[in-house]
Each structure stands twice: as C-alpha cells, then as structure tokens.
PDB file of N, CA and C in Angstrom:
ATOM      1  N   MET A   1       0.848  -1.182   0.000  1.00  0.00           N
ATOM      2  CA  MET A   1       0.000   0.000   0.000  1.00  0.00           C
ATOM      3  C   MET A   1       0.892   1.243   0.000  1.00  0.00           C
ATOM      4  N   SER A   2       0.441   2.290  -0.617  1.00  0.00           N
ATOM      5  CA  SER A   2       1.243   3.494  -0.814  1.00  0.00           C
ATOM      6  C   SER A   2       1.234   4.457   0.367  1.00  0.00           C
ATOM      7  N   GLY A   3       0.354   4.290   1.329  1.00  0.00           N
ATOM      8  CA  GLY A   3       0.318   5.199   2.459  1.00  0.00           C
ATOM      9  C   GLY A   3      -0.748   6.270   2.347  1.00  0.00           C
ATOM     10  N   TYR A   4      -1.463   6.309   1.261  1.00  0.00           N
ATOM     11  CA  TYR A   4      -2.557   7.259   1.133  1.00  0.00           C
ATOM     12  C   TYR A   4      -3.634   6.647   0.252  1.00  0.00           C
ATOM     13  N   PHE A   5      -4.809   7.218   0.334  1.00  0.00           N
ATOM     14  CA  PHE A   5      -5.957   6.701  -0.389  1.00  0.00           C
ATOM     15  C   PHE A   5      -6.576   7.832  -1.193  1.00  0.00           C
ATOM     16  N   VAL A   6      -6.939   7.540  -2.403  1.00  0.00           N
ATOM     17  CA  VAL A   6      -7.563   8.540  -3.268  1.00  0.00           C
ATOM     18  C   VAL A   6      -8.950   8.047  -3.669  1.00  0.00           C
ATOM     19  N   GLN A   7      -9.906   8.939  -3.573  1.00  0.00           N
ATOM     20  CA  GLN A   7     -11.249   8.630  -4.048  1.00  0.00           C
ATOM     21  C   GLN A   7     -11.432   9.333  -5.388  1.00  0.00           C
ATOM     22  N   PRO A   8     -11.371   8.582  -6.485  1.00  0.00           N
ATOM     23  CA  PRO A   8     -11.533   9.214  -7.795  1.00  0.00           C
ATOM     24  C   PRO A   8     -12.803  10.041  -7.913  1.00  0.00           C
ATOM     25  N   GLY A   9     -13.884   9.592  -7.283  1.00  0.00           N
ATOM     26  CA  GLY A   9     -15.128  10.352  -7.336  1.00  0.00           C
ATOM     27  C   GLY A   9     -14.981  11.737  -6.726  1.00  0.00           C
ATOM     28  N   ALA A  10     -14.188  11.826  -5.650  1.00  0.00           N
ATOM     29  CA  ALA A  10     -13.953  13.128  -5.018  1.00  0.00           C
ATOM     30  C   ALA A  10     -13.179  14.044  -5.964  1.00  0.00           C
ATOM     31  N   LEU A  11     -12.236  13.474  -6.699  1.00  0.00           N
ATOM     32  CA  LEU A  11     -11.487  14.284  -7.678  1.00  0.00           C
ATOM     33  C   LEU A  11     -12.417  14.791  -8.776  1.00  0.00           C
ATOM     34  N   HIS A  12     -13.311  13.924  -9.236  1.00  0.00           N
ATOM     35  CA  HIS A  12     -14.278  14.350 -10.256  1.00  0.00           C
ATOM     36  C   HIS A  12     -15.195  15.460  -9.716  1.00  0.00           C
ATOM     37  N   ARG A  13     -15.642  15.304  -8.463  1.00  0.00           N
ATOM     38  CA  ARG A  13     -16.505  16.338  -7.870  1.00  0.00           C
ATOM     39  C   ARG A  13     -15.765  17.672  -7.766  1.00  0.00           C
ATOM     40  N   GLN A  14     -14.508  17.622  -7.345  1.00  0.00           N
ATOM     41  CA  GLN A  14     -13.729  18.861  -7.231  1.00  0.00           C
ATOM     42  C   GLN A  14     -13.494  19.491  -8.603  1.00  0.00           C
ATOM     43  N   SER A  15     -13.332  18.664  -9.625  1.00  0.00           N
ATOM     44  CA  SER A  15     -13.141  19.213 -10.974  1.00  0.00           C
ATOM     45  C   SER A  15     -14.380  20.000 -11.395  1.00  0.00           C
ATOM     46  N   LYS A  16     -15.559  19.528 -10.980  1.00  0.00           N
ATOM     47  CA  LYS A  16     -16.793  20.253 -11.302  1.00  0.00           C
ATOM     48  C   LYS A  16     -16.846  21.593 -10.587  1.00  0.00           C
ATOM     49  N   VAL A  17     -16.297  21.645  -9.372  1.00  0.00           N
ATOM     50  CA  VAL A  17     -16.232  22.915  -8.640  1.00  0.00           C
ATOM     51  C   VAL A  17     -15.376  23.909  -9.428  1.00  0.00           C
ATOM     52  N   TYR A  18     -14.227  23.459  -9.908  1.00  0.00           N
ATOM     53  CA  TYR A  18     -13.356  24.345 -10.679  1.00  0.00           C
ATOM     54  C   TYR A  18     -13.965  24.727 -12.021  1.00  0.00           C
ATOM     55  N   ASP A  19     -14.686  23.785 -12.636  1.00  0.00           N
ATOM     56  CA  ASP A  19     -15.407  24.123 -13.870  1.00  0.00           C
ATOM     57  C   ASP A  19     -16.417  25.240 -13.621  1.00  0.00           C
ATOM     58  N   GLU A  20     -17.133  25.141 -12.505  1.00  0.00           N
ATOM     59  CA  GLU A  20     -18.129  26.157 -12.166  1.00  0.00           C
ATOM     60  C   GLU A  20     -17.455  27.499 -11.886  1.00  0.00           C
ATOM     61  N   LEU A  21     -16.322  27.479 -11.182  1.00  0.00           N
ATOM     62  CA  LEU A  21     -15.582  28.715 -10.937  1.00  0.00           C
ATOM     63  C   LEU A  21     -15.129  29.355 -12.248  1.00  0.00           C
ATOM     64  N   ALA A  22     -14.654  28.531 -13.176  1.00  0.00           N
ATOM     65  CA  ALA A  22     -14.230  29.047 -14.482  1.00  0.00           C
ATOM     66  C   ALA A  22     -15.421  29.635 -15.225  1.00  0.00           C
ATOM     67  N   HIS A  23     -16.549  28.956 -15.170  1.00  0.00           N
ATOM     68  CA  HIS A  23     -17.765  29.443 -15.832  1.00  0.00           C
ATOM     69  C   HIS A  23     -18.187  30.790 -15.241  1.00  0.00           C
ATOM     70  N   ASN A  24     -18.178  30.881 -13.919  1.00  0.00           N
ATOM     71  CA  ASN A  24     -18.550  32.139 -13.259  1.00  0.00           C
ATOM     72  C   ASN A  24     -17.592  33.262 -13.629  1.00  0.00           C
ATOM     73  N   ALA A  25     -16.305  32.967 -13.657  1.00  0.00           N
ATOM     74  CA  ALA A  25     -15.319  33.985 -14.025  1.00  0.00           C
ATOM     75  C   ALA A  25     -15.516  34.426 -15.476  1.00  0.00           C
ATOM     76  N   GLU A  26     -15.879  33.502 -16.341  1.00  0.00           N
ATOM     77  CA  GLU A  26     -16.152  33.857 -17.738  1.00  0.00           C
ATOM     78  C   GLU A  26     -17.364  34.772 -17.834  1.00  0.00           C
ATOM     79  N   GLU A  27     -18.387  34.500 -17.041  1.00  0.00           N
ATOM     80  CA  GLU A  27     -19.552  35.383 -17.031  1.00  0.00           C
ATOM     81  C   GLU A  27     -19.175  36.782 -16.551  1.00  0.00           C
ATOM     82  N   VAL A  28     -18.323  36.857 -15.549  1.00  0.00           N
ATOM     83  CA  VAL A  28     -17.856  38.157 -15.056  1.00  0.00           C
ATOM     84  C   VAL A  28     -17.088  38.882 -16.155  1.00  0.00           C
ATOM     85  N   ARG A  29     -16.246  38.129 -16.871  1.00  0.00           N
ATOM     86  CA  ARG A  29     -15.469  38.750 -17.948  1.00  0.00           C
ATOM     87  C   ARG A  29     -16.393  39.337 -19.010  1.00  0.00           C
ATOM     88  N   VAL A  30     -17.432  38.612 -19.375  1.00  0.00           N
ATOM     89  CA  VAL A  30     -18.385  39.086 -20.384  1.00  0.00           C
ATOM     90  C   VAL A  30     -19.105  40.340 -19.881  1.00  0.00           C
ATOM     91  N   GLU A  31     -19.554  40.311 -18.625  1.00  0.00           N
ATOM     92  CA  GLU A  31     -20.242  41.468 -18.055  1.00  0.00           C
ATOM     93  C   GLU A  31     -19.313  42.676 -17.955  1.00  0.00           C
ATOM     94  N   LEU A  32     -18.078  42.428 -17.561  1.00  0.00           N
ATOM     95  CA  LEU A  32     -17.116  43.520 -17.448  1.00  0.00           C
ATOM     96  C   LEU A  32     -16.792  44.116 -18.815  1.00  0.00           C
ATOM     97  N   ARG A  33     -16.655  43.265 -19.825  1.00  0.00           N
ATOM     98  CA  ARG A  33     -16.415  43.749 -21.192  1.00  0.00           C
ATOM     99  C   ARG A  33     -17.569  44.634 -21.630  1.00  0.00           C
ATOM    100  N   ALA A  34     -18.786  44.196 -21.356  1.00  0.00           N
ATOM    101  CA  ALA A  34     -19.963  44.991 -21.736  1.00  0.00           C
ATOM    102  C   ALA A  34     -19.966  46.329 -21.000  1.00  0.00           C
ATOM    103  N   ALA A  35     -19.579  46.325 -19.733  1.00  0.00           N
ATOM    104  CA  ALA A  35     -19.543  47.575 -18.967  1.00  0.00           C
ATOM    105  C   ALA A  35     -18.493  48.521 -19.529  1.00  0.00           C
ATOM    106  N   PHE A  36     -17.320  48.010 -19.852  1.00  0.00           N
ATOM    107  CA  PHE A  36     -16.296  48.866 -20.467  1.00  0.00           C
ATOM    108  C   PHE A  36     -16.788  49.431 -21.790  1.00  0.00           C
ATOM    109  N   ASP A  37     -17.371  48.577 -22.612  1.00  0.00           N
ATOM    110  CA  ASP A  37     -17.855  49.026 -23.919  1.00  0.00           C
ATOM    111  C   ASP A  37     -18.973  50.070 -23.767  1.00  0.00           C
ATOM    112  N   ARG A  38     -19.849  49.841 -22.800  1.00  0.00           N
ATOM    113  CA  ARG A  38     -20.969  50.753 -22.577  1.00  0.00           C
ATOM    114  C   ARG A  38     -20.507  52.100 -22.021  1.00  0.00           C
ATOM    115  N   ASP A  39     -19.571  52.075 -21.105  1.00  0.00           N
ATOM    116  CA  ASP A  39     -19.202  53.285 -20.365  1.00  0.00           C
ATOM    117  C   ASP A  39     -17.975  54.012 -20.906  1.00  0.00           C
ATOM    118  N   ARG A  40     -17.359  53.460 -21.924  1.00  0.00           N
ATOM    119  CA  ARG A  40     -16.123  54.046 -22.453  1.00  0.00           C
ATOM    120  C   ARG A  40     -16.298  55.514 -22.861  1.00  0.00           C
ATOM    121  N   ASN A  41     -17.429  55.842 -23.402  1.00  0.00           N
ATOM    122  CA  ASN A  41     -17.643  57.199 -23.910  1.00  0.00           C
ATOM    123  C   ASN A  41     -18.213  58.167 -22.871  1.00  0.00           C
ATOM    124  N   THR A  42     -18.243  57.760 -21.624  1.00  0.00           N
ATOM    125  CA  THR A  42     -18.789  58.630 -20.582  1.00  0.00           C
ATOM    126  C   THR A  42     -17.688  59.193 -19.687  1.00  0.00           C
ATOM    127  N   LEU A  43     -16.484  59.265 -20.190  1.00  0.00           N
ATOM    128  CA  LEU A  43     -15.356  59.706 -19.371  1.00  0.00           C
ATOM    129  C   LEU A  43     -15.328  61.217 -19.150  1.00  0.00           C
ATOM    130  N   GLY A  44     -16.052  61.927 -19.952  1.00  0.00           N
ATOM    131  CA  GLY A  44     -16.081  63.384 -19.806  1.00  0.00           C
ATOM    132  C   GLY A  44     -15.095  64.054 -20.741  1.00  0.00           C
ATOM    133  N   ASP A  45     -15.302  65.347 -20.933  1.00  0.00           N
ATOM    134  CA  ASP A  45     -14.480  66.110 -21.875  1.00  0.00           C
ATOM    135  C   ASP A  45     -13.421  66.955 -21.176  1.00  0.00           C
ATOM    136  N   ASP A  46     -13.246  66.756 -19.879  1.00  0.00           N
ATOM    137  CA  ASP A  46     -12.240  67.550 -19.179  1.00  0.00           C
ATOM    138  C   ASP A  46     -10.882  66.853 -19.242  1.00  0.00           C
ATOM    139  N   MET A  47      -9.887  67.458 -18.612  1.00  0.00           N
ATOM    140  CA  MET A  47      -8.530  66.904 -18.692  1.00  0.00           C
ATOM    141  C   MET A  47      -8.438  65.549 -17.998  1.00  0.00           C
ATOM    142  N   TYR A  48      -9.261  65.310 -16.984  1.00  0.00           N
ATOM    143  CA  TYR A  48      -9.235  64.022 -16.289  1.00  0.00           C
ATOM    144  C   TYR A  48      -9.797  62.922 -17.182  1.00  0.00           C
ATOM    145  N   GLY A  49     -10.896  63.209 -17.837  1.00  0.00           N
ATOM    146  CA  GLY A  49     -11.485  62.248 -18.758  1.00  0.00           C
ATOM    147  C   GLY A  49     -10.563  61.952 -19.919  1.00  0.00           C
ATOM    148  N   ALA A  50      -9.894  62.985 -20.430  1.00  0.00           N
ATOM    149  CA  ALA A  50      -8.953  62.792 -21.541  1.00  0.00           C
ATOM    150  C   ALA A  50      -7.769  61.919 -21.112  1.00  0.00           C
ATOM    151  N   GLU A  51      -7.270  62.163 -19.916  1.00  0.00           N
ATOM    152  CA  GLU A  51      -6.136  61.366 -19.421  1.00  0.00           C
ATOM    153  C   GLU A  51      -6.553  59.915 -19.192  1.00  0.00           C
ATOM    154  N   LEU A  52      -7.721  59.713 -18.625  1.00  0.00           N
ATOM    155  CA  LEU A  52      -8.221  58.355 -18.410  1.00  0.00           C
ATOM    156  C   LEU A  52      -8.446  57.647 -19.745  1.00  0.00           C
ATOM    157  N   ALA A  53      -8.954  58.364 -20.725  1.00  0.00           N
ATOM    158  CA  ALA A  53      -9.170  57.779 -22.053  1.00  0.00           C
ATOM    159  C   ALA A  53      -7.858  57.301 -22.656  1.00  0.00           C
ATOM    160  N   LYS A  54      -6.761  58.018 -22.386  1.00  0.00           N
ATOM    161  CA  LYS A  54      -5.447  57.593 -22.899  1.00  0.00           C
ATOM    162  C   LYS A  54      -4.957  56.334 -22.178  1.00  0.00           C
ATOM    163  N   GLN A  55      -5.236  56.249 -20.885  1.00  0.00           N
ATOM    164  CA  GLN A  55      -4.734  55.130 -20.088  1.00  0.00           C
ATOM    165  C   GLN A  55      -5.632  53.890 -20.139  1.00  0.00           C
ATOM    166  N   LEU A  56      -6.867  54.083 -20.519  1.00  0.00           N
ATOM    167  CA  LEU A  56      -7.848  53.005 -20.461  1.00  0.00           C
ATOM    168  C   LEU A  56      -7.481  51.767 -21.281  1.00  0.00           C
ATOM    169  N   PRO A  57      -7.008  51.889 -22.509  1.00  0.00           N
ATOM    170  CA  PRO A  57      -6.694  50.669 -23.262  1.00  0.00           C
ATOM    171  C   PRO A  57      -5.671  49.775 -22.556  1.00  0.00           C
ATOM    172  N   GLU A  58      -4.646  50.357 -21.991  1.00  0.00           N
ATOM    173  CA  GLU A  58      -3.647  49.550 -21.288  1.00  0.00           C
ATOM    174  C   GLU A  58      -4.241  48.932 -20.017  1.00  0.00           C
ATOM    175  N   MET A  59      -5.043  49.710 -19.298  1.00  0.00           N
ATOM    176  CA  MET A  59      -5.685  49.192 -18.087  1.00  0.00           C
ATOM    177  C   MET A  59      -6.618  48.037 -18.441  1.00  0.00           C
ATOM    178  N   GLU A  60      -7.415  48.225 -19.465  1.00  0.00           N
ATOM    179  CA  GLU A  60      -8.326  47.165 -19.909  1.00  0.00           C
ATOM    180  C   GLU A  60      -7.546  45.922 -20.305  1.00  0.00           C
ATOM    181  N   GLY A  61      -6.495  46.124 -21.062  1.00  0.00           N
ATOM    182  CA  GLY A  61      -5.682  44.991 -21.504  1.00  0.00           C
ATOM    183  C   GLY A  61      -5.154  44.189 -20.325  1.00  0.00           C
ATOM    184  N   GLY A  62      -4.672  44.877 -19.310  1.00  0.00           N
ATOM    185  CA  GLY A  62      -4.157  44.195 -18.130  1.00  0.00           C
ATOM    186  C   GLY A  62      -5.239  43.440 -17.378  1.00  0.00           C
ATOM    187  N   ILE A  63      -6.389  44.065 -17.231  1.00  0.00           N
ATOM    188  CA  ILE A  63      -7.508  43.431 -16.524  1.00  0.00           C
ATOM    189  C   ILE A  63      -7.949  42.163 -17.249  1.00  0.00           C
ATOM    190  N   PHE A  64      -8.146  42.263 -18.559  1.00  0.00           N
ATOM    191  CA  PHE A  64      -8.662  41.119 -19.300  1.00  0.00           C
ATOM    192  C   PHE A  64      -7.604  40.038 -19.507  1.00  0.00           C
ATOM    193  N   ALA A  65      -6.347  40.422 -19.549  1.00  0.00           N
ATOM    194  CA  ALA A  65      -5.285  39.414 -19.605  1.00  0.00           C
ATOM    195  C   ALA A  65      -5.249  38.627 -18.298  1.00  0.00           C
ATOM    196  N   ALA A  66      -5.363  39.332 -17.176  1.00  0.00           N
ATOM    197  CA  ALA A  66      -5.355  38.661 -15.875  1.00  0.00           C
ATOM    198  C   ALA A  66      -6.565  37.742 -15.724  1.00  0.00           C
ATOM    199  N   LEU A  67      -7.733  38.209 -16.145  1.00  0.00           N
ATOM    200  CA  LEU A  67      -8.931  37.369 -16.085  1.00  0.00           C
ATOM    201  C   LEU A  67      -8.777  36.132 -16.971  1.00  0.00           C
ATOM    202  N   GLY A  68      -8.227  36.323 -18.149  1.00  0.00           N
ATOM    203  CA  GLY A  68      -8.013  35.189 -19.052  1.00  0.00           C
ATOM    204  C   GLY A  68      -7.067  34.164 -18.456  1.00  0.00           C
ATOM    205  N   THR A  69      -5.985  34.632 -17.851  1.00  0.00           N
ATOM    206  CA  THR A  69      -5.037  33.737 -17.201  1.00  0.00           C
ATOM    207  C   THR A  69      -5.706  32.980 -16.059  1.00  0.00           C
ATOM    208  N   HIS A  70      -6.511  33.692 -15.281  1.00  0.00           N
ATOM    209  CA  HIS A  70      -7.223  33.075 -14.166  1.00  0.00           C
ATOM    210  C   HIS A  70      -8.182  31.990 -14.659  1.00  0.00           C
ATOM    211  N   ILE A  71      -8.943  32.282 -15.682  1.00  0.00           N
ATOM    212  CA  ILE A  71      -9.895  31.313 -16.233  1.00  0.00           C
ATOM    213  C   ILE A  71      -9.159  30.107 -16.797  1.00  0.00           C
ATOM    214  N   ASP A  72      -8.082  30.352 -17.526  1.00  0.00           N
ATOM    215  CA  ASP A  72      -7.288  29.247 -18.077  1.00  0.00           C
ATOM    216  C   ASP A  72      -6.765  28.336 -16.966  1.00  0.00           C
ATOM    217  N   GLU A  73      -6.321  28.935 -15.870  1.00  0.00           N
ATOM    218  CA  GLU A  73      -5.785  28.149 -14.760  1.00  0.00           C
ATOM    219  C   GLU A  73      -6.885  27.318 -14.097  1.00  0.00           C
ATOM    220  N   LEU A  74      -8.052  27.900 -13.905  1.00  0.00           N
ATOM    221  CA  LEU A  74      -9.168  27.136 -13.339  1.00  0.00           C
ATOM    222  C   LEU A  74      -9.530  25.955 -14.237  1.00  0.00           C
ATOM    223  N   GLU A  75      -9.553  26.181 -15.536  1.00  0.00           N
ATOM    224  CA  GLU A  75      -9.868  25.101 -16.479  1.00  0.00           C
ATOM    225  C   GLU A  75      -8.785  24.031 -16.475  1.00  0.00           C
ATOM    226  N   ARG A  76      -7.528  24.450 -16.345  1.00  0.00           N
ATOM    227  CA  ARG A  76      -6.413  23.492 -16.298  1.00  0.00           C
ATOM    228  C   ARG A  76      -6.517  22.622 -15.056  1.00  0.00           C
ATOM    229  N   ILE A  77      -6.827  23.227 -13.927  1.00  0.00           N
ATOM    230  CA  ILE A  77      -6.964  22.461 -12.685  1.00  0.00           C
ATOM    231  C   ILE A  77      -8.102  21.450 -12.815  1.00  0.00           C
ATOM    232  N   ALA A  78      -9.235  21.872 -13.341  1.00  0.00           N
ATOM    233  CA  ALA A  78     -10.374  20.967 -13.520  1.00  0.00           C
ATOM    234  C   ALA A  78      -9.984  19.793 -14.411  1.00  0.00           C
ATOM    235  N   SER A  79      -9.321  20.086 -15.501  1.00  0.00           N
ATOM    236  CA  SER A  79      -8.902  19.033 -16.416  1.00  0.00           C
ATOM    237  C   SER A  79      -7.926  18.068 -15.752  1.00  0.00           C
ATOM    238  N   ASN A  80      -6.949  18.601 -15.031  1.00  0.00           N
ATOM    239  CA  ASN A  80      -5.959  17.751 -14.367  1.00  0.00           C
ATOM    240  C   ASN A  80      -6.592  16.883 -13.279  1.00  0.00           C
ATOM    241  N   LEU A  81      -7.579  17.414 -12.570  1.00  0.00           N
ATOM    242  CA  LEU A  81      -8.275  16.602 -11.571  1.00  0.00           C
ATOM    243  C   LEU A  81      -8.993  15.426 -12.231  1.00  0.00           C
ATOM    244  N   ASN A  82      -9.611  15.671 -13.375  1.00  0.00           N
ATOM    245  CA  ASN A  82     -10.278  14.583 -14.096  1.00  0.00           C
ATOM    246  C   ASN A  82      -9.285  13.547 -14.595  1.00  0.00           C
ATOM    247  N   VAL A  83      -8.166  13.998 -15.113  1.00  0.00           N
ATOM    248  CA  VAL A  83      -7.133  13.063 -15.593  1.00  0.00           C
ATOM    249  C   VAL A  83      -6.625  12.217 -14.428  1.00  0.00           C
ATOM    250  N   SER A  84      -6.362  12.851 -13.300  1.00  0.00           N
ATOM    251  CA  SER A  84      -5.888  12.110 -12.124  1.00  0.00           C
ATOM    252  C   SER A  84      -6.924  11.086 -11.678  1.00  0.00           C
ATOM    253  N   ALA A  85      -8.180  11.485 -11.662  1.00  0.00           N
ATOM    254  CA  ALA A  85      -9.238  10.557 -11.263  1.00  0.00           C
ATOM    255  C   ALA A  85      -9.281   9.353 -12.198  1.00  0.00           C
ATOM    256  N   ARG A  86      -9.201   9.598 -13.492  1.00  0.00           N
ATOM    257  CA  ARG A  86      -9.213   8.478 -14.455  1.00  0.00           C
ATOM    258  C   ARG A  86      -7.999   7.581 -14.268  1.00  0.00           C
ATOM    259  N   ASN A  87      -6.845   8.179 -13.996  1.00  0.00           N
ATOM    260  CA  ASN A  87      -5.637   7.372 -13.778  1.00  0.00           C
ATOM    261  C   ASN A  87      -5.777   6.490 -12.550  1.00  0.00           C
ATOM    262  N   TYR A  88      -6.293   7.038 -11.447  1.00  0.00           N
ATOM    263  CA  TYR A  88      -6.504   6.238 -10.244  1.00  0.00           C
ATOM    264  C   TYR A  88      -7.545   5.151 -10.486  1.00  0.00           C
ATOM    265  N   GLN A  89      -8.596   5.466 -11.215  1.00  0.00           N
ATOM    266  CA  GLN A  89      -9.611   4.464 -11.516  1.00  0.00           C
ATOM    267  C   GLN A  89      -9.023   3.320 -12.340  1.00  0.00           C
ATOM    268  N   ALA A  90      -8.160   3.664 -13.287  1.00  0.00           N
ATOM    269  CA  ALA A  90      -7.554   2.643 -14.140  1.00  0.00           C
ATOM    270  C   ALA A  90      -6.667   1.700 -13.331  1.00  0.00           C
ATOM    271  N   VAL A  91      -5.987   2.221 -12.332  1.00  0.00           N
ATOM    272  CA  VAL A  91      -5.128   1.396 -11.493  1.00  0.00           C
ATOM    273  C   VAL A  91      -5.971   0.506 -10.579  1.00  0.00           C
ATOM    274  N   GLU A  92      -7.005   1.092  -9.991  1.00  0.00           N
ATOM    275  CA  GLU A  92      -7.834   0.350  -9.048  1.00  0.00           C
ATOM    276  C   GLU A  92      -8.756  -0.662  -9.745  1.00  0.00           C
ATOM    277  N   HIS A  93      -9.175  -0.338 -10.926  1.00  0.00           N
ATOM    278  CA  HIS A  93     -10.108  -1.186 -11.668  1.00  0.00           C
ATOM    279  C   HIS A  93      -9.616  -1.342 -13.103  1.00  0.00           C
ATOM    280  N   PRO A  94      -8.534  -2.105 -13.294  1.00  0.00           N
ATOM    281  CA  PRO A  94      -8.016  -2.270 -14.652  1.00  0.00           C
ATOM    282  C   PRO A  94      -9.048  -2.967 -15.547  1.00  0.00           C
ATOM    283  N   PRO A  95      -8.984  -2.667 -16.838  1.00  0.00           N
ATOM    284  CA  PRO A  95      -9.940  -3.304 -17.750  1.00  0.00           C
ATOM    285  C   PRO A  95      -9.755  -4.820 -17.748  1.00  0.00           C
ATOM    286  N   VAL A  96     -10.849  -5.503 -17.845  1.00  0.00           N
ATOM    287  CA  VAL A  96     -10.826  -6.972 -17.865  1.00  0.00           C
ATOM    288  C   VAL A  96     -10.475  -7.423 -19.268  1.00  0.00           C
ATOM    289  N   LYS A  97      -9.434  -8.261 -19.330  1.00  0.00           N
ATOM    290  CA  LYS A  97      -9.033  -8.800 -20.642  1.00  0.00           C
ATOM    291  C   LYS A  97      -9.868 -10.049 -20.919  1.00  0.00           C
ATOM    292  N   ARG A  98     -10.449 -10.051 -22.072  1.00  0.00           N
ATOM    293  CA  ARG A  98     -11.268 -11.202 -22.455  1.00  0.00           C
ATOM    294  C   ARG A  98     -10.572 -11.963 -23.566  1.00  0.00           C
ATOM    295  N   SER A  99     -10.621 -13.274 -23.457  1.00  0.00           N
ATOM    296  CA  SER A  99      -9.962 -14.076 -24.481  1.00  0.00           C
ATOM    297  C   SER A  99     -10.951 -14.666 -25.430  1.00  0.00           C
TER     298      SER A  99
END
C-alpha cells in the first residue's frame, strides 16, 4: 500500500467545482467587457477624462489578460483533476481482458 488513499469520485466532484468557478469567471469577464464598452464614452471632456481615455486601453488589456489567465488556470486544474481521477480508476479497476 502506498500510504494514502484517493477517491476518484472526489477528484471528479472537485473538478466540477473548478469548472463552475471558471464558468462564473467567464460570465464576469463578459459582463465587465460589456460595462467597459458601454461606459467608455462617458469619461467626460475635461482633462481628467482625456487622461483616463489615454490610459484606459492599457488598463483594460491588463484586466482582461489577468482574467483570461485566471480562467485558463481554473480550467487546467479541472482538467488535471479529471485526468488524475481516471488514472486512479484505471489502477484500481483495470480493464478486464477477455480471451
């Protein structure tokens, strides 16, 4: 025995949690994109609005790059949990060879 026990079903359940987190983060990204697109032209015509308008593309880029990285990582974790669960299942319940 290896000294620890893994429940493949628990790994599958946790992968669903990460899938849901990724889905929620994607919804936030879509809503945030819509808010930026909707509000971009409401910065005002004063010097503060003009300065913010110059800085906004870089700020947006950073925000959406970070969100994309976060979503990708959540999806990677979910996928890896499923792969691990399948690997443990294969070891515990190898396919039956039929002759």
